[in-house]
Amino acid sequence: MSLPHSIHVVSHPLVQHKLTKMRDKLTSSANFRRLLREMGLLLGYDATRDLPLVHTHIETPIESMDAPLLDGKKLVIVPILRAGLGLAEGLMDLMPLARMGHVGLYRDPRTLQAVEYYFRTPGDISDRDVIVCDPMLATAHSAIAAVDRLKETGAKRLKFICVLASEQGARAFAEVHPDVPVFTAAVDAKLNDHGYIVPGLGDAGDRLFGTR
């Protein structure tokens, strides 16, 4: 399928292997949780490859040198509650000094629209790179709503990370936020009548926390 240029499918073998394990209904909640955390680290590694660097003078045990360090203020990681917390853990493993915000959204079962119940971010978010994370980009209503709110607070440089997207959701998100790159392990072809990705991996939140 031909996708918008802002949608990036990470084809690394480790990412694809872990996605298959996550899709498997026999995978336990404990293993699903571990895999989701690992996916956060791997997808985050790909999404942050263009972070700006500045050179600084240091002394190694052998001699002095100019070496690269990340430039600017530390990133902000913003999980969409609740399932986004699993991905955020992996991103924090990768960037332990990052700040964290939270966006609480639930999907109205009748309209499938996102309803906000919590929102909190660092006050200087306009000066920072922001990574929004949620395991699934299904209808994209939650992702669009989260990015809308972050832009309203002044966020300018955003990226979105998910484990799995639907083609419909990927296109809908790219149409509203073409300036926000999406990094995902795969894009599945369709949604069912309940707004779940098919073949998908089920409800990521339920599988992460062992709920129904």
N, C-alpha and C. Protein backbone atom coordinates (compact mmCIF):
# COMPACT_ATOMS: atom_id res chain seq x y z
N MET A 1 0.84 -1.19 0.00
CA MET A 1 0.00 0.00 0.00
C MET A 1 0.88 1.24 0.00
N SER A 2 0.41 2.28 -0.65
CA SER A 2 1.13 3.55 -0.68
C SER A 2 0.60 4.43 0.46
N LEU A 3 1.51 4.82 1.36
CA LEU A 3 1.12 5.58 2.54
C LEU A 3 1.64 7.01 2.44
N PRO A 4 1.06 7.94 3.19
CA PRO A 4 1.60 9.31 3.22
C PRO A 4 3.06 9.32 3.65
N HIS A 5 3.79 10.32 3.20
CA HIS A 5 5.23 10.38 3.48
C HIS A 5 5.54 10.51 4.97
N SER A 6 4.58 10.98 5.75
CA SER A 6 4.83 11.16 7.18
C SER A 6 4.72 9.86 7.98
N ILE A 7 4.30 8.78 7.33
CA ILE A 7 4.14 7.48 8.00
C ILE A 7 5.39 6.64 7.73
N HIS A 8 6.10 6.26 8.80
CA HIS A 8 7.34 5.50 8.68
C HIS A 8 7.16 4.12 9.32
N VAL A 9 7.26 3.07 8.52
CA VAL A 9 7.16 1.70 9.02
C VAL A 9 8.57 1.19 9.31
N VAL A 10 8.82 0.83 10.57
CA VAL A 10 10.14 0.38 10.99
C VAL A 10 10.25 -1.12 10.72
N SER A 11 11.06 -1.49 9.75
CA SER A 11 11.13 -2.87 9.28
C SER A 11 12.25 -3.68 9.91
N HIS A 12 12.90 -3.14 10.93
CA HIS A 12 14.01 -3.85 11.57
C HIS A 12 13.54 -5.25 12.00
N PRO A 13 14.35 -6.29 11.77
CA PRO A 13 13.93 -7.66 12.12
C PRO A 13 13.52 -7.83 13.58
N LEU A 14 14.21 -7.18 14.51
CA LEU A 14 13.83 -7.31 15.92
C LEU A 14 12.45 -6.71 16.18
N VAL A 15 12.15 -5.60 15.53
CA VAL A 15 10.84 -4.98 15.68
C VAL A 15 9.75 -5.91 15.14
N GLN A 16 9.99 -6.48 13.98
CA GLN A 16 8.99 -7.35 13.37
C GLN A 16 8.80 -8.64 14.18
N HIS A 17 9.88 -9.19 14.71
CA HIS A 17 9.80 -10.38 15.55
C HIS A 17 8.96 -10.11 16.80
N LYS A 18 9.24 -8.99 17.47
CA LYS A 18 8.51 -8.66 18.69
C LYS A 18 7.05 -8.36 18.40
N LEU A 19 6.77 -7.75 17.25
CA LEU A 19 5.37 -7.49 16.90
C LEU A 19 4.61 -8.80 16.74
N THR A 20 5.21 -9.79 16.10
CA THR A 20 4.54 -11.08 15.94
C THR A 20 4.24 -11.71 17.29
N LYS A 21 5.19 -11.63 18.23
CA LYS A 21 4.97 -12.16 19.57
C LYS A 21 3.82 -11.41 20.25
N MET A 22 3.72 -10.12 20.03
CA MET A 22 2.65 -9.33 20.63
C MET A 22 1.29 -9.65 20.02
N ARG A 23 1.27 -9.97 18.75
CA ARG A 23 0.01 -10.33 18.08
C ARG A 23 -0.55 -11.66 18.60
N ASP A 24 0.32 -12.57 18.98
CA ASP A 24 -0.06 -13.93 19.37
C ASP A 24 -0.94 -13.89 20.63
N LYS A 25 -2.14 -14.42 20.54
CA LYS A 25 -3.07 -14.38 21.68
C LYS A 25 -2.58 -15.23 22.85
N LEU A 26 -1.62 -16.12 22.62
CA LEU A 26 -1.09 -16.95 23.70
C LEU A 26 -0.03 -16.22 24.53
N THR A 27 0.41 -15.06 24.08
CA THR A 27 1.41 -14.29 24.83
C THR A 27 0.77 -13.75 26.11
N SER A 28 1.42 -14.02 27.25
CA SER A 28 0.89 -13.61 28.55
C SER A 28 0.98 -12.10 28.74
N SER A 29 0.25 -11.59 29.73
CA SER A 29 0.31 -10.16 30.03
C SER A 29 1.72 -9.74 30.42
N ALA A 30 2.41 -10.59 31.18
CA ALA A 30 3.77 -10.26 31.60
C ALA A 30 4.70 -10.13 30.39
N ASN A 31 4.59 -11.06 29.46
CA ASN A 31 5.44 -11.00 28.27
C ASN A 31 5.00 -9.88 27.34
N PHE A 32 3.69 -9.63 27.25
CA PHE A 32 3.21 -8.52 26.43
C PHE A 32 3.76 -7.21 26.97
N ARG A 33 3.75 -7.06 28.29
CA ARG A 33 4.27 -5.84 28.93
C ARG A 33 5.75 -5.66 28.62
N ARG A 34 6.51 -6.74 28.72
CA ARG A 34 7.95 -6.66 28.43
C ARG A 34 8.19 -6.31 26.97
N LEU A 35 7.45 -6.95 26.08
CA LEU A 35 7.62 -6.69 24.65
C LEU A 35 7.25 -5.25 24.29
N LEU A 36 6.19 -4.73 24.89
CA LEU A 36 5.78 -3.36 24.61
C LEU A 36 6.85 -2.38 25.05
N ARG A 37 7.44 -2.63 26.20
CA ARG A 37 8.52 -1.77 26.69
C ARG A 37 9.71 -1.82 25.73
N GLU A 38 10.06 -3.02 25.26
CA GLU A 38 11.17 -3.16 24.31
C GLU A 38 10.86 -2.47 23.00
N MET A 39 9.60 -2.54 22.56
CA MET A 39 9.21 -1.85 21.32
C MET A 39 9.33 -0.34 21.47
N GLY A 40 9.01 0.16 22.65
CA GLY A 40 9.17 1.59 22.88
C GLY A 40 10.61 2.02 22.69
N LEU A 41 11.53 1.23 23.20
CA LEU A 41 12.96 1.55 23.05
C LEU A 41 13.38 1.48 21.58
N LEU A 42 12.98 0.41 20.89
CA LEU A 42 13.42 0.23 19.50
C LEU A 42 12.80 1.27 18.56
N LEU A 43 11.50 1.53 18.70
CA LEU A 43 10.85 2.53 17.86
C LEU A 43 11.37 3.93 18.19
N GLY A 44 11.62 4.15 19.50
CA GLY A 44 12.17 5.44 19.90
C GLY A 44 13.55 5.69 19.34
N TYR A 45 14.35 4.64 19.26
CA TYR A 45 15.69 4.75 18.67
C TYR A 45 15.59 5.24 17.23
N ASP A 46 14.64 4.70 16.47
CA ASP A 46 14.48 5.10 15.08
C ASP A 46 13.92 6.52 14.98
N ALA A 47 12.99 6.86 15.87
CA ALA A 47 12.32 8.16 15.80
C ALA A 47 13.24 9.31 16.20
N THR A 48 14.29 9.02 16.96
CA THR A 48 15.16 10.09 17.46
C THR A 48 16.48 10.21 16.70
N ARG A 49 16.57 9.59 15.56
CA ARG A 49 17.84 9.59 14.84
C ARG A 49 18.22 10.97 14.30
N ASP A 50 17.26 11.90 14.25
CA ASP A 50 17.56 13.24 13.71
C ASP A 50 17.66 14.30 14.80
N LEU A 51 17.79 13.91 16.06
CA LEU A 51 17.94 14.90 17.12
C LEU A 51 19.22 15.70 16.90
N PRO A 52 19.17 17.02 17.13
CA PRO A 52 20.35 17.85 16.88
C PRO A 52 21.44 17.60 17.91
N LEU A 53 22.69 17.75 17.46
CA LEU A 53 23.86 17.55 18.30
C LEU A 53 24.70 18.82 18.36
N VAL A 54 25.43 18.96 19.44
CA VAL A 54 26.41 20.03 19.58
C VAL A 54 27.70 19.39 20.09
N HIS A 55 28.84 19.93 19.70
CA HIS A 55 30.12 19.37 20.13
C HIS A 55 30.63 20.10 21.37
N THR A 56 31.17 19.32 22.28
CA THR A 56 31.73 19.87 23.50
C THR A 56 33.11 19.27 23.75
N HIS A 57 33.95 20.01 24.44
CA HIS A 57 35.32 19.55 24.69
C HIS A 57 35.35 18.70 25.96
N ILE A 58 35.89 17.49 25.87
CA ILE A 58 36.00 16.59 27.02
C ILE A 58 37.40 16.00 27.08
N GLU A 59 37.69 15.37 28.23
CA GLU A 59 38.95 14.65 28.41
C GLU A 59 38.62 13.16 28.55
N THR A 60 39.12 12.34 27.65
CA THR A 60 39.02 10.90 27.83
C THR A 60 40.20 10.44 28.70
N PRO A 61 40.24 9.19 29.13
CA PRO A 61 41.41 8.72 29.88
C PRO A 61 42.71 8.79 29.07
N ILE A 62 42.60 9.00 27.76
CA ILE A 62 43.79 9.02 26.90
C ILE A 62 44.18 10.43 26.50
N GLU A 63 43.20 11.23 26.00
CA GLU A 63 43.51 12.59 25.55
C GLU A 63 42.23 13.42 25.48
N SER A 64 42.37 14.68 25.19
CA SER A 64 41.20 15.55 25.03
C SER A 64 40.64 15.43 23.62
N MET A 65 39.33 15.75 23.47
CA MET A 65 38.70 15.67 22.16
C MET A 65 37.41 16.49 22.18
N ASP A 66 36.91 16.81 20.98
CA ASP A 66 35.59 17.39 20.82
C ASP A 66 34.62 16.25 20.51
N ALA A 67 33.57 16.12 21.31
CA ALA A 67 32.64 14.99 21.17
C ALA A 67 31.20 15.49 21.15
N PRO A 68 30.29 14.73 20.49
CA PRO A 68 28.91 15.18 20.34
C PRO A 68 28.04 14.90 21.57
N LEU A 69 27.15 15.84 21.87
CA LEU A 69 26.11 15.69 22.88
C LEU A 69 24.80 16.23 22.30
N LEU A 70 23.69 15.75 22.84
CA LEU A 70 22.40 16.28 22.40
C LEU A 70 22.31 17.77 22.68
N ASP A 71 21.75 18.49 21.73
CA ASP A 71 21.62 19.94 21.85
C ASP A 71 20.20 20.31 22.31
N GLY A 72 20.09 21.43 23.01
CA GLY A 72 18.79 21.93 23.40
C GLY A 72 18.25 21.30 24.66
N LYS A 73 17.00 21.65 25.00
CA LYS A 73 16.37 21.13 26.21
C LYS A 73 15.97 19.67 26.03
N LYS A 74 15.83 18.97 27.15
CA LYS A 74 15.49 17.56 27.12
C LYS A 74 14.10 17.34 26.55
N LEU A 75 13.90 16.17 25.95
CA LEU A 75 12.63 15.85 25.30
C LEU A 75 11.51 15.69 26.32
N VAL A 76 10.29 15.72 25.79
CA VAL A 76 9.10 15.40 26.57
C VAL A 76 8.44 14.17 25.95
N ILE A 77 8.20 13.16 26.76
CA ILE A 77 7.48 11.96 26.34
C ILE A 77 6.06 12.06 26.86
N VAL A 78 5.08 11.90 25.97
CA VAL A 78 3.68 12.06 26.35
C VAL A 78 2.90 10.80 25.98
N PRO A 79 2.71 9.88 26.94
CA PRO A 79 1.86 8.72 26.66
C PRO A 79 0.39 9.10 26.70
N ILE A 80 -0.39 8.49 25.82
CA ILE A 80 -1.84 8.60 25.89
C ILE A 80 -2.31 7.49 26.83
N LEU A 81 -2.94 7.89 27.94
CA LEU A 81 -3.36 6.93 28.96
C LEU A 81 -4.51 6.07 28.43
N ARG A 82 -4.50 4.77 28.76
CA ARG A 82 -3.57 4.19 29.71
C ARG A 82 -2.47 3.38 29.04
N ALA A 83 -2.79 2.83 27.86
CA ALA A 83 -1.87 1.87 27.23
C ALA A 83 -0.55 2.51 26.81
N GLY A 84 -0.55 3.82 26.58
CA GLY A 84 0.68 4.48 26.18
C GLY A 84 1.77 4.40 27.22
N LEU A 85 1.40 4.12 28.48
CA LEU A 85 2.39 4.01 29.55
C LEU A 85 3.39 2.88 29.27
N GLY A 86 2.93 1.81 28.64
CA GLY A 86 3.82 0.70 28.35
C GLY A 86 4.91 1.07 27.36
N LEU A 87 4.57 1.85 26.34
CA LEU A 87 5.57 2.33 25.40
C LEU A 87 6.47 3.37 26.04
N ALA A 88 5.89 4.21 26.89
CA ALA A 88 6.67 5.28 27.54
C ALA A 88 7.79 4.71 28.39
N GLU A 89 7.59 3.54 28.99
CA GLU A 89 8.64 2.92 29.80
C GLU A 89 9.88 2.65 28.96
N GLY A 90 9.67 2.14 27.74
CA GLY A 90 10.80 1.88 26.86
C GLY A 90 11.48 3.16 26.41
N LEU A 91 10.70 4.19 26.15
CA LEU A 91 11.27 5.47 25.75
C LEU A 91 12.08 6.08 26.90
N MET A 92 11.62 5.90 28.13
CA MET A 92 12.37 6.41 29.27
C MET A 92 13.65 5.60 29.49
N ASP A 93 13.63 4.32 29.15
CA ASP A 93 14.87 3.54 29.20
C ASP A 93 15.89 4.13 28.23
N LEU A 94 15.42 4.56 27.08
CA LEU A 94 16.29 5.13 26.06
C LEU A 94 16.75 6.53 26.42
N MET A 95 15.85 7.31 27.03
CA MET A 95 16.13 8.72 27.36
C MET A 95 15.73 8.99 28.81
N PRO A 96 16.50 8.50 29.77
CA PRO A 96 16.09 8.55 31.18
C PRO A 96 15.94 9.96 31.76
N LEU A 97 16.52 10.96 31.12
CA LEU A 97 16.41 12.33 31.62
C LEU A 97 15.27 13.11 30.98
N ALA A 98 14.49 12.46 30.13
CA ALA A 98 13.38 13.14 29.47
C ALA A 98 12.32 13.53 30.48
N ARG A 99 11.59 14.61 30.18
CA ARG A 99 10.42 14.99 30.96
C ARG A 99 9.23 14.14 30.48
N MET A 100 8.15 14.13 31.28
CA MET A 100 6.98 13.37 30.87
C MET A 100 5.71 14.17 31.10
N GLY A 101 4.83 14.15 30.10
CA GLY A 101 3.48 14.67 30.23
C GLY A 101 2.50 13.51 30.13
N HIS A 102 1.21 13.78 30.33
CA HIS A 102 0.20 12.73 30.22
C HIS A 102 -1.06 13.30 29.59
N VAL A 103 -1.65 12.52 28.68
CA VAL A 103 -2.94 12.86 28.10
C VAL A 103 -3.88 11.69 28.38
N GLY A 104 -4.95 11.96 29.12
CA GLY A 104 -5.95 10.92 29.40
C GLY A 104 -7.12 11.04 28.45
N LEU A 105 -7.34 9.98 27.67
CA LEU A 105 -8.44 9.95 26.71
C LEU A 105 -9.11 8.59 26.77
N TYR A 106 -10.42 8.56 26.59
CA TYR A 106 -11.09 7.29 26.39
C TYR A 106 -11.97 7.40 25.15
N ARG A 107 -12.23 6.26 24.55
CA ARG A 107 -13.01 6.24 23.32
C ARG A 107 -14.48 5.97 23.63
N ASP A 108 -15.33 6.91 23.23
CA ASP A 108 -16.77 6.72 23.42
C ASP A 108 -17.20 5.49 22.62
N PRO A 109 -17.77 4.47 23.28
CA PRO A 109 -18.09 3.23 22.56
C PRO A 109 -19.15 3.39 21.49
N ARG A 110 -19.93 4.45 21.58
CA ARG A 110 -20.98 4.65 20.58
C ARG A 110 -20.48 5.41 19.37
N THR A 111 -19.74 6.51 19.60
CA THR A 111 -19.30 7.35 18.49
C THR A 111 -17.87 7.06 18.06
N LEU A 112 -17.10 6.34 18.92
CA LEU A 112 -15.68 6.05 18.72
C LEU A 112 -14.82 7.32 18.79
N GLN A 113 -15.41 8.44 19.21
CA GLN A 113 -14.67 9.69 19.34
C GLN A 113 -13.91 9.71 20.67
N ALA A 114 -12.80 10.48 20.70
CA ALA A 114 -11.97 10.58 21.90
C ALA A 114 -12.56 11.59 22.87
N VAL A 115 -12.61 11.23 24.15
CA VAL A 115 -13.10 12.11 25.21
C VAL A 115 -11.95 12.32 26.20
N GLU A 116 -11.57 13.57 26.44
CA GLU A 116 -10.45 13.86 27.33
C GLU A 116 -10.89 13.90 28.78
N TYR A 117 -10.07 13.27 29.67
CA TYR A 117 -10.35 13.36 31.10
C TYR A 117 -9.14 13.81 31.90
N TYR A 118 -7.96 13.93 31.27
CA TYR A 118 -6.77 14.39 31.99
C TYR A 118 -5.77 14.95 30.99
N PHE A 119 -5.09 16.04 31.39
CA PHE A 119 -4.07 16.63 30.53
C PHE A 119 -3.09 17.40 31.40
N ARG A 120 -1.81 17.03 31.33
CA ARG A 120 -0.78 17.75 32.07
C ARG A 120 0.56 17.57 31.36
N THR A 121 1.25 18.70 31.12
CA THR A 121 2.55 18.67 30.45
C THR A 121 3.48 19.68 31.10
N PRO A 122 4.79 19.57 30.85
CA PRO A 122 5.72 20.60 31.33
C PRO A 122 5.35 21.97 30.76
N GLY A 123 5.58 23.01 31.54
CA GLY A 123 5.16 24.35 31.14
C GLY A 123 5.90 24.91 29.95
N ASP A 124 7.14 24.47 29.73
CA ASP A 124 7.94 25.01 28.63
C ASP A 124 7.98 24.07 27.43
N ILE A 125 6.86 23.40 27.19
CA ILE A 125 6.83 22.39 26.14
C ILE A 125 7.10 22.97 24.75
N SER A 126 6.88 24.26 24.57
CA SER A 126 7.11 24.87 23.26
C SER A 126 8.59 24.88 22.90
N ASP A 127 9.47 24.74 23.88
CA ASP A 127 10.91 24.75 23.63
C ASP A 127 11.50 23.35 23.50
N ARG A 128 10.66 22.32 23.52
CA ARG A 128 11.16 20.95 23.57
C ARG A 128 10.60 20.10 22.44
N ASP A 129 11.37 19.10 22.04
CA ASP A 129 10.86 18.06 21.15
C ASP A 129 9.92 17.17 21.95
N VAL A 130 8.81 16.76 21.33
CA VAL A 130 7.78 15.99 22.03
C VAL A 130 7.53 14.69 21.28
N ILE A 131 7.53 13.58 22.01
CA ILE A 131 7.17 12.28 21.44
C ILE A 131 5.89 11.80 22.11
N VAL A 132 4.83 11.67 21.32
CA VAL A 132 3.55 11.16 21.80
C VAL A 132 3.52 9.66 21.51
N CYS A 133 3.03 8.86 22.47
CA CYS A 133 3.04 7.42 22.23
C CYS A 133 1.73 6.76 22.66
N ASP A 134 1.30 5.82 21.87
CA ASP A 134 0.13 5.01 22.13
C ASP A 134 0.30 3.74 21.30
N PRO A 135 0.08 2.55 21.85
CA PRO A 135 0.35 1.33 21.08
C PRO A 135 -0.42 1.23 19.76
N MET A 136 -1.66 1.75 19.72
CA MET A 136 -2.50 1.56 18.55
C MET A 136 -2.90 2.89 17.92
N LEU A 137 -2.84 2.95 16.60
CA LEU A 137 -3.39 4.06 15.82
C LEU A 137 -4.51 3.46 14.98
N ALA A 138 -5.69 3.34 15.56
CA ALA A 138 -6.80 2.64 14.92
C ALA A 138 -7.64 3.61 14.11
N THR A 139 -8.62 4.25 14.74
CA THR A 139 -9.39 5.29 14.04
C THR A 139 -8.59 6.58 13.96
N ALA A 140 -7.60 6.73 14.84
CA ALA A 140 -6.75 7.93 14.97
C ALA A 140 -7.43 9.07 15.72
N HIS A 141 -8.64 8.87 16.21
CA HIS A 141 -9.33 9.95 16.93
C HIS A 141 -8.56 10.37 18.17
N SER A 142 -8.07 9.41 18.95
CA SER A 142 -7.34 9.75 20.17
C SER A 142 -6.02 10.44 19.85
N ALA A 143 -5.30 9.91 18.88
CA ALA A 143 -4.02 10.50 18.51
C ALA A 143 -4.18 11.92 18.00
N ILE A 144 -5.18 12.14 17.16
CA ILE A 144 -5.44 13.48 16.63
C ILE A 144 -5.81 14.44 17.77
N ALA A 145 -6.67 13.98 18.67
CA ALA A 145 -7.09 14.83 19.79
C ALA A 145 -5.91 15.17 20.69
N ALA A 146 -5.04 14.20 20.95
CA ALA A 146 -3.87 14.44 21.81
C ALA A 146 -2.93 15.45 21.17
N VAL A 147 -2.66 15.30 19.90
CA VAL A 147 -1.75 16.22 19.21
C VAL A 147 -2.39 17.61 19.09
N ASP A 148 -3.69 17.65 18.85
CA ASP A 148 -4.39 18.94 18.85
C ASP A 148 -4.15 19.70 20.16
N ARG A 149 -4.33 19.01 21.28
CA ARG A 149 -4.18 19.66 22.59
C ARG A 149 -2.74 20.09 22.84
N LEU A 150 -1.79 19.26 22.43
CA LEU A 150 -0.39 19.61 22.62
C LEU A 150 0.00 20.82 21.78
N LYS A 151 -0.50 20.90 20.57
CA LYS A 151 -0.24 22.08 19.74
C LYS A 151 -0.88 23.32 20.35
N GLU A 152 -2.06 23.17 20.95
CA GLU A 152 -2.72 24.30 21.60
C GLU A 152 -1.87 24.86 22.75
N THR A 153 -1.10 23.98 23.42
CA THR A 153 -0.25 24.43 24.53
C THR A 153 1.08 24.99 24.05
N GLY A 154 1.34 24.92 22.73
CA GLY A 154 2.55 25.51 22.19
C GLY A 154 3.56 24.55 21.63
N ALA A 155 3.31 23.24 21.73
CA ALA A 155 4.26 22.26 21.18
C ALA A 155 4.40 22.45 19.67
N LYS A 156 5.64 22.48 19.21
CA LYS A 156 5.90 22.74 17.79
C LYS A 156 6.56 21.57 17.08
N ARG A 157 7.38 20.82 17.80
CA ARG A 157 8.13 19.72 17.19
C ARG A 157 7.66 18.41 17.81
N LEU A 158 6.76 17.73 17.10
CA LEU A 158 6.14 16.51 17.63
C LEU A 158 6.39 15.31 16.73
N LYS A 159 6.42 14.14 17.36
CA LYS A 159 6.44 12.87 16.65
C LYS A 159 5.47 11.94 17.37
N PHE A 160 4.97 10.95 16.64
CA PHE A 160 4.02 9.99 17.21
C PHE A 160 4.57 8.59 17.00
N ILE A 161 4.58 7.80 18.08
CA ILE A 161 5.06 6.42 18.03
C ILE A 161 3.92 5.48 18.40
N CYS A 162 3.73 4.45 17.59
CA CYS A 162 2.76 3.40 17.91
C CYS A 162 3.32 2.06 17.45
N VAL A 163 2.82 1.00 18.03
CA VAL A 163 3.25 -0.33 17.62
C VAL A 163 2.56 -0.73 16.33
N LEU A 164 1.30 -0.38 16.21
CA LEU A 164 0.49 -0.85 15.09
C LEU A 164 -0.51 0.23 14.68
N ALA A 165 -0.68 0.40 13.36
CA ALA A 165 -1.65 1.36 12.83
C ALA A 165 -2.56 0.65 11.85
N SER A 166 -3.74 1.19 11.67
CA SER A 166 -4.59 0.79 10.54
C SER A 166 -4.31 1.74 9.39
N GLU A 167 -4.57 1.28 8.18
CA GLU A 167 -4.38 2.16 7.03
C GLU A 167 -5.31 3.37 7.14
N GLN A 168 -6.54 3.14 7.57
CA GLN A 168 -7.50 4.24 7.73
C GLN A 168 -6.99 5.25 8.75
N GLY A 169 -6.51 4.76 9.89
CA GLY A 169 -6.03 5.65 10.93
C GLY A 169 -4.79 6.42 10.52
N ALA A 170 -3.88 5.74 9.84
CA ALA A 170 -2.65 6.40 9.39
C ALA A 170 -2.97 7.53 8.43
N ARG A 171 -3.88 7.29 7.51
CA ARG A 171 -4.24 8.32 6.54
C ARG A 171 -4.99 9.47 7.22
N ALA A 172 -5.88 9.14 8.16
CA ALA A 172 -6.63 10.19 8.85
C ALA A 172 -5.70 11.08 9.66
N PHE A 173 -4.74 10.48 10.36
CA PHE A 173 -3.81 11.26 11.16
C PHE A 173 -2.95 12.14 10.26
N ALA A 174 -2.42 11.57 9.17
CA ALA A 174 -1.56 12.33 8.27
C ALA A 174 -2.30 13.48 7.61
N GLU A 175 -3.59 13.31 7.39
CA GLU A 175 -4.37 14.40 6.76
C GLU A 175 -4.51 15.59 7.70
N VAL A 176 -4.71 15.32 9.01
CA VAL A 176 -4.90 16.40 9.98
C VAL A 176 -3.57 16.97 10.45
N HIS A 177 -2.57 16.09 10.64
CA HIS A 177 -1.27 16.51 11.16
C HIS A 177 -0.14 16.02 10.23
N PRO A 178 -0.06 16.55 9.03
CA PRO A 178 0.98 16.11 8.09
C PRO A 178 2.39 16.46 8.55
N ASP A 179 2.51 17.38 9.51
CA ASP A 179 3.81 17.81 10.01
C ASP A 179 4.32 16.94 11.15
N VAL A 180 3.54 15.94 11.57
CA VAL A 180 3.94 15.07 12.68
C VAL A 180 4.28 13.68 12.15
N PRO A 181 5.55 13.31 12.11
CA PRO A 181 5.93 11.98 11.63
C PRO A 181 5.39 10.88 12.56
N VAL A 182 4.98 9.78 11.95
CA VAL A 182 4.49 8.61 12.69
C VAL A 182 5.47 7.46 12.49
N PHE A 183 5.87 6.83 13.57
CA PHE A 183 6.76 5.67 13.52
C PHE A 183 6.01 4.47 14.08
N THR A 184 5.88 3.42 13.26
CA THR A 184 5.11 2.25 13.63
C THR A 184 5.78 0.99 13.11
N ALA A 185 5.44 -0.15 13.72
CA ALA A 185 6.02 -1.42 13.29
C ALA A 185 5.28 -2.00 12.09
N ALA A 186 4.00 -1.65 11.92
CA ALA A 186 3.23 -2.19 10.80
C ALA A 186 1.96 -1.38 10.61
N VAL A 187 1.40 -1.47 9.40
CA VAL A 187 0.11 -0.86 9.08
C VAL A 187 -0.79 -1.96 8.56
N ASP A 188 -1.84 -2.29 9.33
CA ASP A 188 -2.79 -3.32 8.92
C ASP A 188 -3.87 -2.70 8.04
N ALA A 189 -4.56 -3.56 7.28
CA ALA A 189 -5.40 -3.07 6.20
C ALA A 189 -6.71 -2.45 6.63
N LYS A 190 -7.29 -2.91 7.75
CA LYS A 190 -8.67 -2.47 8.00
C LYS A 190 -9.00 -2.42 9.49
N LEU A 191 -10.20 -1.88 9.77
CA LEU A 191 -10.80 -1.86 11.11
C LEU A 191 -12.09 -2.68 11.08
N ASN A 192 -12.44 -3.27 12.24
CA ASN A 192 -13.74 -3.94 12.30
C ASN A 192 -14.81 -2.94 12.76
N ASP A 193 -16.02 -3.44 12.99
CA ASP A 193 -17.15 -2.56 13.31
C ASP A 193 -16.98 -1.88 14.67
N HIS A 194 -16.12 -2.41 15.52
CA HIS A 194 -15.89 -1.83 16.83
C HIS A 194 -14.66 -0.90 16.86
N GLY A 195 -14.07 -0.67 15.69
CA GLY A 195 -12.92 0.21 15.61
C GLY A 195 -11.61 -0.43 16.01
N TYR A 196 -11.55 -1.78 16.03
CA TYR A 196 -10.32 -2.48 16.33
C TYR A 196 -9.57 -2.82 15.05
N ILE A 197 -8.24 -2.75 15.11
CA ILE A 197 -7.41 -3.05 13.95
C ILE A 197 -7.47 -4.55 13.66
N VAL A 198 -7.58 -4.89 12.37
CA VAL A 198 -7.64 -6.28 11.91
C VAL A 198 -6.48 -6.54 10.95
N PRO A 199 -5.66 -7.60 11.16
CA PRO A 199 -5.76 -8.61 12.21
C PRO A 199 -5.35 -8.11 13.60
N GLY A 200 -4.56 -7.07 13.67
CA GLY A 200 -4.28 -6.39 14.93
C GLY A 200 -3.61 -7.24 15.99
N LEU A 201 -3.83 -6.84 17.25
CA LEU A 201 -3.31 -7.60 18.39
C LEU A 201 -4.25 -7.53 19.58
N GLY A 202 -5.50 -7.13 19.33
CA GLY A 202 -6.47 -7.02 20.41
C GLY A 202 -6.40 -5.66 21.09
N ASP A 203 -6.96 -5.57 22.30
CA ASP A 203 -6.95 -4.34 23.07
C ASP A 203 -5.63 -4.26 23.82
N ALA A 204 -4.78 -3.33 23.43
CA ALA A 204 -3.44 -3.24 24.01
C ALA A 204 -3.48 -2.97 25.50
N GLY A 205 -4.41 -2.13 25.95
CA GLY A 205 -4.53 -1.82 27.36
C GLY A 205 -4.91 -3.03 28.18
N ASP A 206 -5.89 -3.80 27.71
CA ASP A 206 -6.31 -5.00 28.42
C ASP A 206 -5.17 -6.02 28.47
N ARG A 207 -4.47 -6.18 27.38
CA ARG A 207 -3.38 -7.17 27.35
C ARG A 207 -2.20 -6.71 28.19
N LEU A 208 -1.98 -5.40 28.27
CA LEU A 208 -0.89 -4.86 29.05
C LEU A 208 -1.13 -5.03 30.55
N PHE A 209 -2.37 -4.74 30.98
CA PHE A 209 -2.67 -4.73 32.41
C PHE A 209 -3.46 -5.94 32.88
N GLY A 210 -3.78 -6.87 31.98
CA GLY A 210 -4.47 -8.09 32.37
C GLY A 210 -5.92 -7.86 32.74
N THR A 211 -6.57 -6.86 32.08
CA THR A 211 -7.98 -6.56 32.35
C THR A 211 -8.84 -7.00 31.18
N ARG A 212 -10.14 -6.90 31.34
CA ARG A 212 -11.08 -7.24 30.29
C ARG A 212 -12.02 -6.08 30.04
